[in-house]
């Protein structure tokens, strides 16, 4: 596959703060690439550098096989950007907003008209073309924001938290639209704090923190990088500290948690853990209720790699 974005040892500093530190990445044509990280991890700075909006201290960035600079207009014309904060003109209708942003790239009137109509249809805004943004719901406003960003049919689309504060129906519509754009040939860079979305649509994922690339791979590859391989929960009443300690000594057990008559046992990569646990329960003649197993999620991977401490500080 062709490489659409190549970042090599990128460093970006803000005075004493190193926002991006020796960050490297390759994104191939046709991918939906998830870029994840906690607040302050360097995601937004990295995106700003990819777009040629920020000067960086060292390293190299290539987009479409060419160095990305502030005046790389040929490359920038092939990029669509949808930021987290909705950026449309309040005084323009839905149609005129899309037409304006499309017109920044497409000068031929007939072509632009077709592209605008395509974007309206794609975003499901046919019944709202004469509406002003203030008359739209949150979900419709998000869809307008996306329509403005993709109307010129870009080859690379960067979406930064596109489903923030929308209802489940709008979120589903947006995600289906992103997959549709990808099937039509666009390469996608997708950032989100909703791990289930990333797990659902992204072909590969990078997790970054403190400006560094902690891990990169498919969802399954990332799951195989962490200690936890399986979590089994069993309903058991009045378990003593001594009994819980015995559970902790079973093969492949990493740790145990007990609360509200539910014992949660975290395992490493061992096999047949449920069967071994049931055998232990029977051997001890313990009464238990429901027992169920959960494989690690992308959220588990994210928290294990980046930590669980809060990042937002006053």
C-alpha atoms as a PDB file:
ATOM      1  CA  UNK A   1       0.000   0.000   0.000  1.00  0.00           C
ATOM      2  CA  UNK A   2       1.079   3.599  -0.605  1.00  0.00           C
ATOM      3  CA  UNK A   3       2.065   5.663   2.413  1.00  0.00           C
ATOM      4  CA  UNK A   4      -0.199   8.697   2.832  1.00  0.00           C
ATOM      5  CA  UNK A   5       1.352  10.123   6.024  1.00  0.00           C
ATOM      6  CA  UNK A   6       4.889   9.459   7.222  1.00  0.00           C
ATOM      7  CA  UNK A   7       6.202  10.999  10.441  1.00  0.00           C
ATOM      8  CA  UNK A   8       9.825  10.412  11.383  1.00  0.00           C
ATOM      9  CA  UNK A   9      11.175  11.359  14.830  1.00  0.00           C
ATOM     10  CA  UNK A  10       8.979  14.428  15.176  1.00  0.00           C
ATOM     11  CA  UNK A  11       9.866  16.819  18.021  1.00  0.00           C
ATOM     12  CA  UNK A  12       7.764  19.850  18.913  1.00  0.00           C
ATOM     13  CA  UNK A  13       8.490  22.031  21.946  1.00  0.00           C
ATOM     14  CA  UNK A  14       6.665  24.911  23.577  1.00  0.00           C
ATOM     15  CA  UNK A  15       9.465  26.631  25.498  1.00  0.00           C
ATOM     16  CA  UNK A  16      10.328  24.143  28.271  1.00  0.00           C
ATOM     17  CA  UNK A  17       7.505  21.724  27.417  1.00  0.00           C
ATOM     18  CA  UNK A  18       8.172  18.943  24.916  1.00  0.00           C
ATOM     19  CA  UNK A  19       4.714  18.288  23.453  1.00  0.00           C
ATOM     20  CA  UNK A  20       5.866  15.709  20.873  1.00  0.00           C
ATOM     21  CA  UNK A  21       9.000  13.687  21.542  1.00  0.00           C
ATOM     22  CA  UNK A  22      10.669  11.575  18.814  1.00  0.00           C
ATOM     23  CA  UNK A  23       7.247  10.534  17.466  1.00  0.00           C
ATOM     24  CA  UNK A  24       7.200   8.295  14.384  1.00  0.00           C
ATOM     25  CA  UNK A  25       4.258   6.932  12.425  1.00  0.00           C
ATOM     26  CA  UNK A  26       3.196   5.683   8.999  1.00  0.00           C
ATOM     27  CA  UNK A  27      -0.378   5.693   7.738  1.00  0.00           C
ATOM     28  CA  UNK A  28      -1.153   3.698   4.614  1.00  0.00           C
ATOM     29  CA  UNK A  29      -3.638   4.520   1.875  1.00  0.00           C
ATOM     30  CA  UNK A  30      -7.110   3.191   2.638  1.00  0.00           C
ATOM     31  CA  UNK A  31      -6.714   2.938   6.410  1.00  0.00           C
ATOM     32  CA  UNK A  32      -9.009   4.221   9.115  1.00  0.00           C
ATOM     33  CA  UNK A  33      -6.249   5.027  11.553  1.00  0.00           C
ATOM     34  CA  UNK A  34      -7.066   5.704  15.199  1.00  0.00           C
ATOM     35  CA  UNK A  35      -4.808   8.153  17.040  1.00  0.00           C
ATOM     36  CA  UNK A  36      -5.437   7.816  20.774  1.00  0.00           C
ATOM     37  CA  UNK A  37      -4.017   9.435  23.863  1.00  0.00           C
ATOM     38  CA  UNK A  38      -5.100  11.073  27.115  1.00  0.00           C
ATOM     39  CA  UNK A  39      -5.478  14.836  27.413  1.00  0.00           C
ATOM     40  CA  UNK A  40      -2.112  16.489  26.916  1.00  0.00           C
ATOM     41  CA  UNK A  41      -0.578  13.489  25.174  1.00  0.00           C
ATOM     42  CA  UNK A  42       0.393  15.429  22.040  1.00  0.00           C
ATOM     43  CA  UNK A  43      -2.372  14.354  19.631  1.00  0.00           C
ATOM     44  CA  UNK A  44      -3.550  17.831  18.686  1.00  0.00           C
ATOM     45  CA  UNK A  45       0.012  19.103  18.296  1.00  0.00           C
ATOM     46  CA  UNK A  46       0.835  16.156  16.042  1.00  0.00           C
ATOM     47  CA  UNK A  47      -2.223  16.854  13.883  1.00  0.00           C
ATOM     48  CA  UNK A  48      -1.259  20.533  13.679  1.00  0.00           C
ATOM     49  CA  UNK A  49       2.178  19.514  12.426  1.00  0.00           C
ATOM     50  CA  UNK A  50       0.721  17.067   9.884  1.00  0.00           C
ATOM     51  CA  UNK A  51      -1.415  19.896   8.501  1.00  0.00           C
ATOM     52  CA  UNK A  52       1.545  22.268   8.279  1.00  0.00           C
ATOM     53  CA  UNK A  53      -0.067  24.632  10.765  1.00  0.00           C
ATOM     54  CA  UNK A  54       2.715  24.350  13.349  1.00  0.00           C
ATOM     55  CA  UNK A  55       6.447  24.630  12.980  1.00  0.00           C
ATOM     56  CA  UNK A  56       8.326  21.845  14.710  1.00  0.00           C
ATOM     57  CA  UNK A  57      11.816  21.615  16.145  1.00  0.00           C
ATOM     58  CA  UNK A  58      13.106  18.511  14.382  1.00  0.00           C
ATOM     59  CA  UNK A  59      12.037  15.443  12.437  1.00  0.00           C
ATOM     60  CA  UNK A  60      10.272  15.031   9.106  1.00  0.00           C
ATOM     61  CA  UNK A  61       6.672  14.837   7.919  1.00  0.00           C
ATOM     62  CA  UNK A  62       5.614  13.679   4.479  1.00  0.00           C
ATOM     63  CA  UNK A  63       2.027  13.716   3.197  1.00  0.00           C
ATOM     64  CA  UNK A  64       1.245  12.061  -0.140  1.00  0.00           C
ATOM     65  CA  UNK A  65       4.971  11.385  -0.516  1.00  0.00           C
ATOM     66  CA  UNK A  66       5.996  15.055  -0.278  1.00  0.00           C
ATOM     67  CA  UNK A  67       7.362  17.099   2.649  1.00  0.00           C
ATOM     68  CA  UNK A  68       4.551  18.934   4.405  1.00  0.00           C
ATOM     69  CA  UNK A  69       5.238  22.645   4.828  1.00  0.00           C
ATOM     70  CA  UNK A  70       3.097  25.691   5.541  1.00  0.00           C
ATOM     71  CA  UNK A  71       2.910  26.453   1.800  1.00  0.00           C
ATOM     72  CA  UNK A  72       2.291  22.879   0.588  1.00  0.00           C
ATOM     73  CA  UNK A  73      -0.995  23.923  -1.004  1.00  0.00           C
ATOM     74  CA  UNK A  74      -1.158  21.071  -3.519  1.00  0.00           C
ATOM     75  CA  UNK A  75      -1.124  18.555  -0.655  1.00  0.00           C
ATOM     76  CA  UNK A  76      -3.451  20.601   1.554  1.00  0.00           C
ATOM     77  CA  UNK A  77      -6.109  20.689  -1.190  1.00  0.00           C
ATOM     78  CA  UNK A  78      -6.373  16.913  -0.869  1.00  0.00           C
ATOM     79  CA  UNK A  79      -6.978  17.032   2.909  1.00  0.00           C
ATOM     80  CA  UNK A  80     -10.263  17.502   4.753  1.00  0.00           C
ATOM     81  CA  UNK A  81     -10.293  18.433   8.437  1.00  0.00           C
ATOM     82  CA  UNK A  82     -13.176  18.181  10.892  1.00  0.00           C
ATOM     83  CA  UNK A  83     -12.181  19.559  14.280  1.00  0.00           C
ATOM     84  CA  UNK A  84     -13.935  18.886  17.572  1.00  0.00           C
ATOM     85  CA  UNK A  85     -15.284  22.437  17.791  1.00  0.00           C
ATOM     86  CA  UNK A  86     -17.912  23.051  15.114  1.00  0.00           C
ATOM     87  CA  UNK A  87     -16.627  25.632  12.630  1.00  0.00           C
ATOM     88  CA  UNK A  88     -19.412  26.966  10.403  1.00  0.00           C
ATOM     89  CA  UNK A  89     -20.801  30.411   9.653  1.00  0.00           C
ATOM     90  CA  UNK A  90     -23.875  31.245  11.746  1.00  0.00           C
ATOM     91  CA  UNK A  91     -25.238  33.688   9.163  1.00  0.00           C
ATOM     92  CA  UNK A  92     -25.124  31.191   6.278  1.00  0.00           C
ATOM     93  CA  UNK A  93     -27.631  28.431   5.578  1.00  0.00           C
ATOM     94  CA  UNK A  94     -26.664  24.768   5.555  1.00  0.00           C
ATOM     95  CA  UNK A  95     -26.354  24.836   1.754  1.00  0.00           C
ATOM     96  CA  UNK A  96     -24.352  28.057   1.667  1.00  0.00           C
ATOM     97  CA  UNK A  97     -21.974  26.857   4.378  1.00  0.00           C
ATOM     98  CA  UNK A  98     -21.153  23.690   2.450  1.00  0.00           C
ATOM     99  CA  UNK A  99     -20.903  25.655  -0.801  1.00  0.00           C
ATOM    100  CA  UNK A 100     -18.500  28.149   0.776  1.00  0.00           C
ATOM    101  CA  UNK A 101     -16.101  25.554   2.159  1.00  0.00           C
ATOM    102  CA  UNK A 102     -16.238  23.501  -1.028  1.00  0.00           C
ATOM    103  CA  UNK A 103     -15.531  26.662  -3.020  1.00  0.00           C
ATOM    104  CA  UNK A 104     -12.212  27.107  -1.239  1.00  0.00           C
ATOM    105  CA  UNK A 105     -10.983  24.113  -3.256  1.00  0.00           C
ATOM    106  CA  UNK A 106     -13.336  23.684  -6.225  1.00  0.00           C
ATOM    107  CA  UNK A 107     -13.631  26.720  -8.492  1.00  0.00           C
ATOM    108  CA  UNK A 108     -15.677  25.250 -11.343  1.00  0.00           C
ATOM    109  CA  UNK A 109     -19.311  26.105 -10.545  1.00  0.00           C
ATOM    110  CA  UNK A 110     -20.909  22.992 -12.041  1.00  0.00           C
ATOM    111  CA  UNK A 111     -18.453  20.667 -10.332  1.00  0.00           C
ATOM    112  CA  UNK A 112     -18.876  22.511  -7.036  1.00  0.00           C
ATOM    113  CA  UNK A 113     -22.671  22.295  -7.266  1.00  0.00           C
ATOM    114  CA  UNK A 114     -22.483  18.533  -7.758  1.00  0.00           C
ATOM    115  CA  UNK A 115     -20.001  18.140  -4.896  1.00  0.00           C
ATOM    116  CA  UNK A 116     -22.195  20.200  -2.570  1.00  0.00           C
ATOM    117  CA  UNK A 117     -25.251  18.124  -3.457  1.00  0.00           C
ATOM    118  CA  UNK A 118     -23.242  14.952  -2.879  1.00  0.00           C
ATOM    119  CA  UNK A 119     -22.134  16.201   0.563  1.00  0.00           C
ATOM    120  CA  UNK A 120     -25.704  17.126   1.504  1.00  0.00           C
ATOM    121  CA  UNK A 121     -26.968  13.701   0.490  1.00  0.00           C
ATOM    122  CA  UNK A 122     -24.068  11.950   2.189  1.00  0.00           C
ATOM    123  CA  UNK A 123     -24.747  13.777   5.478  1.00  0.00           C
ATOM    124  CA  UNK A 124     -28.518  13.328   5.326  1.00  0.00           C
ATOM    125  CA  UNK A 125     -29.172  17.074   5.309  1.00  0.00           C
ATOM    126  CA  UNK A 126     -31.593  17.201   2.371  1.00  0.00           C
ATOM    127  CA  UNK A 127     -34.467  18.506   4.513  1.00  0.00           C
ATOM    128  CA  UNK A 128     -32.351  21.211   6.181  1.00  0.00           C
ATOM    129  CA  UNK A 129     -30.570  23.015   3.331  1.00  0.00           C
ATOM    130  CA  UNK A 130     -32.284  26.373   4.055  1.00  0.00           C
ATOM    131  CA  UNK A 131     -31.794  26.179   7.833  1.00  0.00           C
ATOM    132  CA  UNK A 132     -29.360  28.396   9.712  1.00  0.00           C
ATOM    133  CA  UNK A 133     -26.955  26.518  12.032  1.00  0.00           C
ATOM    134  CA  UNK A 134     -28.671  27.867  15.172  1.00  0.00           C
ATOM    135  CA  UNK A 135     -31.845  26.009  14.134  1.00  0.00           C
ATOM    136  CA  UNK A 136     -30.077  22.634  13.967  1.00  0.00           C
ATOM    137  CA  UNK A 137     -29.842  20.028  16.705  1.00  0.00           C
ATOM    138  CA  UNK A 138     -26.430  19.010  18.012  1.00  0.00           C
ATOM    139  CA  UNK A 139     -26.346  15.919  15.812  1.00  0.00           C
ATOM    140  CA  UNK A 140     -27.334  17.829  12.667  1.00  0.00           C
ATOM    141  CA  UNK A 141     -24.752  20.506  13.431  1.00  0.00           C
ATOM    142  CA  UNK A 142     -22.055  17.826  13.675  1.00  0.00           C
ATOM    143  CA  UNK A 143     -23.175  16.394  10.346  1.00  0.00           C
ATOM    144  CA  UNK A 144     -23.033  19.870   8.786  1.00  0.00           C
ATOM    145  CA  UNK A 145     -19.515  20.290  10.143  1.00  0.00           C
ATOM    146  CA  UNK A 146     -18.499  16.995   8.527  1.00  0.00           C
ATOM    147  CA  UNK A 147     -20.208  17.911   5.225  1.00  0.00           C
ATOM    148  CA  UNK A 148     -18.225  21.161   5.085  1.00  0.00           C
ATOM    149  CA  UNK A 149     -14.986  19.268   5.684  1.00  0.00           C
ATOM    150  CA  UNK A 150     -15.500  16.565   3.058  1.00  0.00           C
ATOM    151  CA  UNK A 151     -17.438  18.370   0.316  1.00  0.00           C
ATOM    152  CA  UNK A 152     -14.341  18.827  -1.873  1.00  0.00           C
ATOM    153  CA  UNK A 153     -13.805  15.024  -1.816  1.00  0.00           C
ATOM    154  CA  UNK A 154     -10.440  14.939  -0.036  1.00  0.00           C
ATOM    155  CA  UNK A 155      -8.158  11.912  -0.178  1.00  0.00           C
ATOM    156  CA  UNK A 156      -7.109  12.281   3.469  1.00  0.00           C
ATOM    157  CA  UNK A 157      -9.683  13.165   6.138  1.00  0.00           C
ATOM    158  CA  UNK A 158      -8.768  14.036   9.713  1.00  0.00           C
ATOM    159  CA  UNK A 159     -11.622  13.764  12.228  1.00  0.00           C
ATOM    160  CA  UNK A 160     -11.008  15.057  15.742  1.00  0.00           C
ATOM    161  CA  UNK A 161     -13.683  13.879  18.207  1.00  0.00           C
ATOM    162  CA  UNK A 162     -16.521  14.125  15.644  1.00  0.00           C
ATOM    163  CA  UNK A 163     -19.164  12.476  17.877  1.00  0.00           C
ATOM    164  CA  UNK A 164     -18.753  14.532  21.050  1.00  0.00           C
ATOM    165  CA  UNK A 165     -22.071  15.408  22.750  1.00  0.00           C
ATOM    166  CA  UNK A 166     -24.402  13.819  20.191  1.00  0.00           C
ATOM    167  CA  UNK A 167     -27.174  11.288  20.737  1.00  0.00           C
ATOM    168  CA  UNK A 168     -26.661   7.581  19.918  1.00  0.00           C
ATOM    169  CA  UNK A 169     -28.592   7.813  16.636  1.00  0.00           C
ATOM    170  CA  UNK A 170     -26.464  10.708  15.374  1.00  0.00           C
ATOM    171  CA  UNK A 171     -23.302   8.995  16.558  1.00  0.00           C
ATOM    172  CA  UNK A 172     -24.216   5.838  14.651  1.00  0.00           C
ATOM    173  CA  UNK A 173     -24.984   7.869  11.540  1.00  0.00           C
ATOM    174  CA  UNK A 174     -21.631   9.663  11.750  1.00  0.00           C
ATOM    175  CA  UNK A 175     -19.691   6.422  12.211  1.00  0.00           C
ATOM    176  CA  UNK A 176     -21.479   4.785   9.284  1.00  0.00           C
ATOM    177  CA  UNK A 177     -20.634   7.851   7.207  1.00  0.00           C
ATOM    178  CA  UNK A 178     -16.945   7.621   8.107  1.00  0.00           C
ATOM    179  CA  UNK A 179     -16.824   3.976   7.048  1.00  0.00           C
ATOM    180  CA  UNK A 180     -18.615   4.905   3.826  1.00  0.00           C
ATOM    181  CA  UNK A 181     -16.055   7.634   3.077  1.00  0.00           C
ATOM    182  CA  UNK A 182     -13.296   5.102   3.608  1.00  0.00           C
ATOM    183  CA  UNK A 183     -14.939   2.587   1.267  1.00  0.00           C
ATOM    184  CA  UNK A 184     -15.128   5.335  -1.358  1.00  0.00           C
ATOM    185  CA  UNK A 185     -11.347   5.724  -1.189  1.00  0.00           C
ATOM    186  CA  UNK A 186     -10.551   8.207   1.575  1.00  0.00           C
ATOM    187  CA  UNK A 187      -7.832   7.558   4.134  1.00  0.00           C
ATOM    188  CA  UNK A 188      -9.022   8.527   7.621  1.00  0.00           C
ATOM    189  CA  UNK A 189      -7.203   9.706  10.733  1.00  0.00           C
ATOM    190  CA  UNK A 190      -9.626   9.416  13.645  1.00  0.00           C
ATOM    191  CA  UNK A 191      -9.215  10.667  17.197  1.00  0.00           C
ATOM    192  CA  UNK A 192     -11.727   9.956  19.949  1.00  0.00           C
ATOM    193  CA  UNK A 193     -12.023   9.274  23.659  1.00  0.00           C
ATOM    194  CA  UNK A 194     -14.825   6.803  22.894  1.00  0.00           C
ATOM    195  CA  UNK A 195     -12.834   3.585  22.774  1.00  0.00           C
ATOM    196  CA  UNK A 196     -15.741   1.488  21.520  1.00  0.00           C
ATOM    197  CA  UNK A 197     -15.947   3.704  18.408  1.00  0.00           C
ATOM    198  CA  UNK A 198     -12.261   3.290  17.657  1.00  0.00           C
ATOM    199  CA  UNK A 199     -12.463  -0.454  18.223  1.00  0.00           C
ATOM    200  CA  UNK A 200     -15.476  -0.597  15.903  1.00  0.00           C
ATOM    201  CA  UNK A 201     -14.142   1.248  12.847  1.00  0.00           C
ATOM    202  CA  UNK A 202     -10.348   1.594  12.943  1.00  0.00           C
ATOM    203  CA  UNK A 203      -8.073  -0.759  11.008  1.00  0.00           C
ATOM    204  CA  UNK A 204      -4.976   0.220  13.029  1.00  0.00           C
ATOM    205  CA  UNK A 205      -4.435   2.281  16.147  1.00  0.00           C
ATOM    206  CA  UNK A 206      -1.596   4.213  17.749  1.00  0.00           C
ATOM    207  CA  UNK A 207      -1.620   5.016  21.461  1.00  0.00           C
ATOM    208  CA  UNK A 208       0.508   8.005  22.403  1.00  0.00           C
ATOM    209  CA  UNK A 209       1.345   9.670  25.698  1.00  0.00           C
ATOM    210  CA  UNK A 210       3.788  12.373  26.805  1.00  0.00           C
ATOM    211  CA  UNK A 211       4.435  13.005  23.130  1.00  0.00           C
ATOM    212  CA  UNK A 212       5.645   9.457  22.438  1.00  0.00           C
ATOM    213  CA  UNK A 213       4.239   6.519  20.520  1.00  0.00           C
ATOM    214  CA  UNK A 214       3.577   3.850  23.154  1.00  0.00           C
ATOM    215  CA  UNK A 215       2.177   1.194  20.834  1.00  0.00           C
ATOM    216  CA  UNK A 216       0.771   0.690  17.365  1.00  0.00           C
ATOM    217  CA  UNK A 217      -1.158  -2.146  15.766  1.00  0.00           C
ATOM    218  CA  UNK A 218      -4.574  -3.617  15.157  1.00  0.00           C
ATOM    219  CA  UNK A 219      -6.990  -3.894  18.071  1.00  0.00           C
ATOM    220  CA  UNK A 220      -6.069  -7.539  18.576  1.00  0.00           C
ATOM    221  CA  UNK A 221      -2.354  -6.817  18.379  1.00  0.00           C
ATOM    222  CA  UNK A 222      -2.694  -4.126  21.036  1.00  0.00           C
ATOM    223  CA  UNK A 223      -4.688  -6.449  23.299  1.00  0.00           C
ATOM    224  CA  UNK A 224      -1.884  -8.991  23.104  1.00  0.00           C
ATOM    225  CA  UNK A 225       0.594  -6.381  24.365  1.00  0.00           C
ATOM    226  CA  UNK A 226      -0.952  -6.072  27.833  1.00  0.00           C
ATOM    227  CA  UNK A 227      -0.821  -8.381  30.831  1.00  0.00           C
ATOM    228  CA  UNK A 228      -4.539  -8.948  31.253  1.00  0.00           C
ATOM    229  CA  UNK A 229      -5.823 -11.720  29.006  1.00  0.00           C
ATOM    230  CA  UNK A 230      -9.194 -12.422  30.611  1.00  0.00           C
ATOM    231  CA  UNK A 231     -11.325 -11.205  33.494  1.00  0.00           C
ATOM    232  CA  UNK A 232     -13.723 -13.647  35.172  1.00  0.00           C
ATOM    233  CA  UNK A 233     -16.442 -12.467  37.537  1.00  0.00           C
ATOM    234  CA  UNK A 234     -18.219 -14.855  39.894  1.00  0.00           C
ATOM    235  CA  UNK A 235     -21.071 -14.149  42.294  1.00  0.00           C
ATOM    236  CA  UNK A 236     -20.100 -15.467  45.705  1.00  0.00           C
ATOM    237  CA  UNK A 237     -21.446 -14.261  49.037  1.00  0.00           C
ATOM    238  CA  UNK A 238     -19.471 -13.414  52.164  1.00  0.00           C
ATOM    239  CA  UNK A 239     -16.067 -14.423  50.806  1.00  0.00           C
ATOM    240  CA  UNK A 240     -13.432 -14.152  53.543  1.00  0.00           C
ATOM    241  CA  UNK A 241     -10.070 -12.464  53.064  1.00  0.00           C
ATOM    242  CA  UNK A 242      -8.425 -15.864  53.341  1.00  0.00           C
ATOM    243  CA  UNK A 243     -10.593 -17.327  50.590  1.00  0.00           C
ATOM    244  CA  UNK A 244      -9.930 -14.381  48.307  1.00  0.00           C
ATOM    245  CA  UNK A 245      -6.221 -14.871  48.920  1.00  0.00           C
ATOM    246  CA  UNK A 246      -6.587 -18.495  47.793  1.00  0.00           C
ATOM    247  CA  UNK A 247      -8.244 -17.367  44.576  1.00  0.00           C
ATOM    248  CA  UNK A 248      -5.273 -15.082  44.010  1.00  0.00           C
ATOM    249  CA  UNK A 249      -2.924 -18.069  44.064  1.00  0.00           C
ATOM    250  CA  UNK A 250      -4.666 -19.894  41.223  1.00  0.00           C
ATOM    251  CA  UNK A 251      -2.647 -20.325  37.998  1.00  0.00           C
ATOM    252  CA  UNK A 252      -2.372 -17.236  35.755  1.00  0.00           C
ATOM    253  CA  UNK A 253      -4.160 -14.921  38.242  1.00  0.00           C
ATOM    254  CA  UNK A 254      -2.781 -11.362  38.246  1.00  0.00           C
ATOM    255  CA  UNK A 255      -5.059  -9.848  40.874  1.00  0.00           C
ATOM    256  CA  UNK A 256      -8.476 -10.179  42.500  1.00  0.00           C
ATOM    257  CA  UNK A 257     -11.122  -7.632  43.472  1.00  0.00           C
ATOM    258  CA  UNK A 258     -14.098  -8.309  45.731  1.00  0.00           C
ATOM    259  CA  UNK A 259     -17.075  -6.002  46.242  1.00  0.00           C
ATOM    260  CA  UNK A 260     -20.852  -6.374  46.600  1.00  0.00           C
ATOM    261  CA  UNK A 261     -20.679 -10.191  46.594  1.00  0.00           C
ATOM    262  CA  UNK A 262     -18.881 -10.184  43.236  1.00  0.00           C
ATOM    263  CA  UNK A 263     -15.349 -11.534  42.900  1.00  0.00           C
ATOM    264  CA  UNK A 264     -13.486 -10.252  39.866  1.00  0.00           C
ATOM    265  CA  UNK A 265     -10.392 -12.251  38.917  1.00  0.00           C
ATOM    266  CA  UNK A 266      -7.907 -10.864  36.418  1.00  0.00           C
ATOM    267  CA  UNK A 267      -5.919 -13.473  34.492  1.00  0.00           C
ATOM    268  CA  UNK A 268      -2.916 -13.373  32.218  1.00  0.00           C
ATOM    269  CA  UNK A 269      -2.880 -15.304  28.947  1.00  0.00           C
ATOM    270  CA  UNK A 270      -3.735 -18.705  30.455  1.00  0.00           C
ATOM    271  CA  UNK A 271      -6.215 -21.070  28.807  1.00  0.00           C
ATOM    272  CA  UNK A 272      -9.268 -22.850  30.258  1.00  0.00           C
ATOM    273  CA  UNK A 273      -9.352 -20.392  33.156  1.00  0.00           C
ATOM    274  CA  UNK A 274     -13.111 -20.712  33.632  1.00  0.00           C
ATOM    275  CA  UNK A 275     -12.903 -24.511  33.879  1.00  0.00           C
ATOM    276  CA  UNK A 276     -10.070 -24.320  36.403  1.00  0.00           C
ATOM    277  CA  UNK A 277     -12.039 -21.788  38.449  1.00  0.00           C
ATOM    278  CA  UNK A 278     -15.193 -23.933  38.439  1.00  0.00           C
ATOM    279  CA  UNK A 279     -13.141 -26.956  39.525  1.00  0.00           C
ATOM    280  CA  UNK A 280     -11.722 -24.915  42.407  1.00  0.00           C
ATOM    281  CA  UNK A 281     -15.189 -23.739  43.474  1.00  0.00           C
ATOM    282  CA  UNK A 282     -16.485 -27.322  43.473  1.00  0.00           C
ATOM    283  CA  UNK A 283     -13.432 -28.598  45.325  1.00  0.00           C
ATOM    284  CA  UNK A 284     -14.041 -26.015  48.050  1.00  0.00           C
ATOM    285  CA  UNK A 285     -17.770 -26.844  48.023  1.00  0.00           C
ATOM    286  CA  UNK A 286     -18.560 -23.151  47.584  1.00  0.00           C
ATOM    287  CA  UNK A 287     -21.979 -21.904  46.543  1.00  0.00           C
ATOM    288  CA  UNK A 288     -21.810 -19.418  43.704  1.00  0.00           C
ATOM    289  CA  UNK A 289     -24.157 -17.675  41.304  1.00  0.00           C
ATOM    290  CA  UNK A 290     -23.473 -16.348  37.843  1.00  0.00           C
ATOM    291  CA  UNK A 291     -20.011 -16.667  36.404  1.00  0.00           C
ATOM    292  CA  UNK A 292     -18.917 -14.915  33.261  1.00  0.00           C
ATOM    293  CA  UNK A 293     -15.756 -14.138  31.347  1.00  0.00           C
ATOM    294  CA  UNK A 294     -14.693 -10.931  29.587  1.00  0.00           C
ATOM    295  CA  UNK A 295     -11.810 -10.535  27.176  1.00  0.00           C
ATOM    296  CA  UNK A 296      -9.838  -7.270  27.347  1.00  0.00           C
ATOM    297  CA  UNK A 297     -11.229  -4.259  25.513  1.00  0.00           C
ATOM    298  CA  UNK A 298      -9.388  -1.406  23.868  1.00  0.00           C
ATOM    299  CA  UNK A 299     -10.270   0.636  26.947  1.00  0.00           C
ATOM    300  CA  UNK A 300      -8.366  -1.895  29.099  1.00  0.00           C
ATOM    301  CA  UNK A 301      -5.372  -1.567  26.783  1.00  0.00           C
ATOM    302  CA  UNK A 302      -5.537   2.225  26.899  1.00  0.00           C
ATOM    303  CA  UNK A 303      -5.691   2.392  30.714  1.00  0.00           C
ATOM    304  CA  UNK A 304      -2.940  -0.174  31.226  1.00  0.00           C
ATOM    305  CA  UNK A 305      -0.608   1.668  28.860  1.00  0.00           C
ATOM    306  CA  UNK A 306      -1.344   5.249  29.898  1.00  0.00           C
ATOM    307  CA  UNK A 307      -2.355   4.792  33.556  1.00  0.00           C
ATOM    308  CA  UNK A 308      -5.569   5.515  35.421  1.00  0.00           C
ATOM    309  CA  UNK A 309      -4.699   8.807  37.102  1.00  0.00           C
ATOM    310  CA  UNK A 310      -6.739  11.869  36.179  1.00  0.00           C
ATOM    311  CA  UNK A 311      -4.998  14.234  33.755  1.00  0.00           C
ATOM    312  CA  UNK A 312      -7.187  17.325  34.023  1.00  0.00           C
ATOM    313  CA  UNK A 313      -5.997  19.733  36.678  1.00  0.00           C
ATOM    314  CA  UNK A 314      -7.352  23.118  37.710  1.00  0.00           C
END
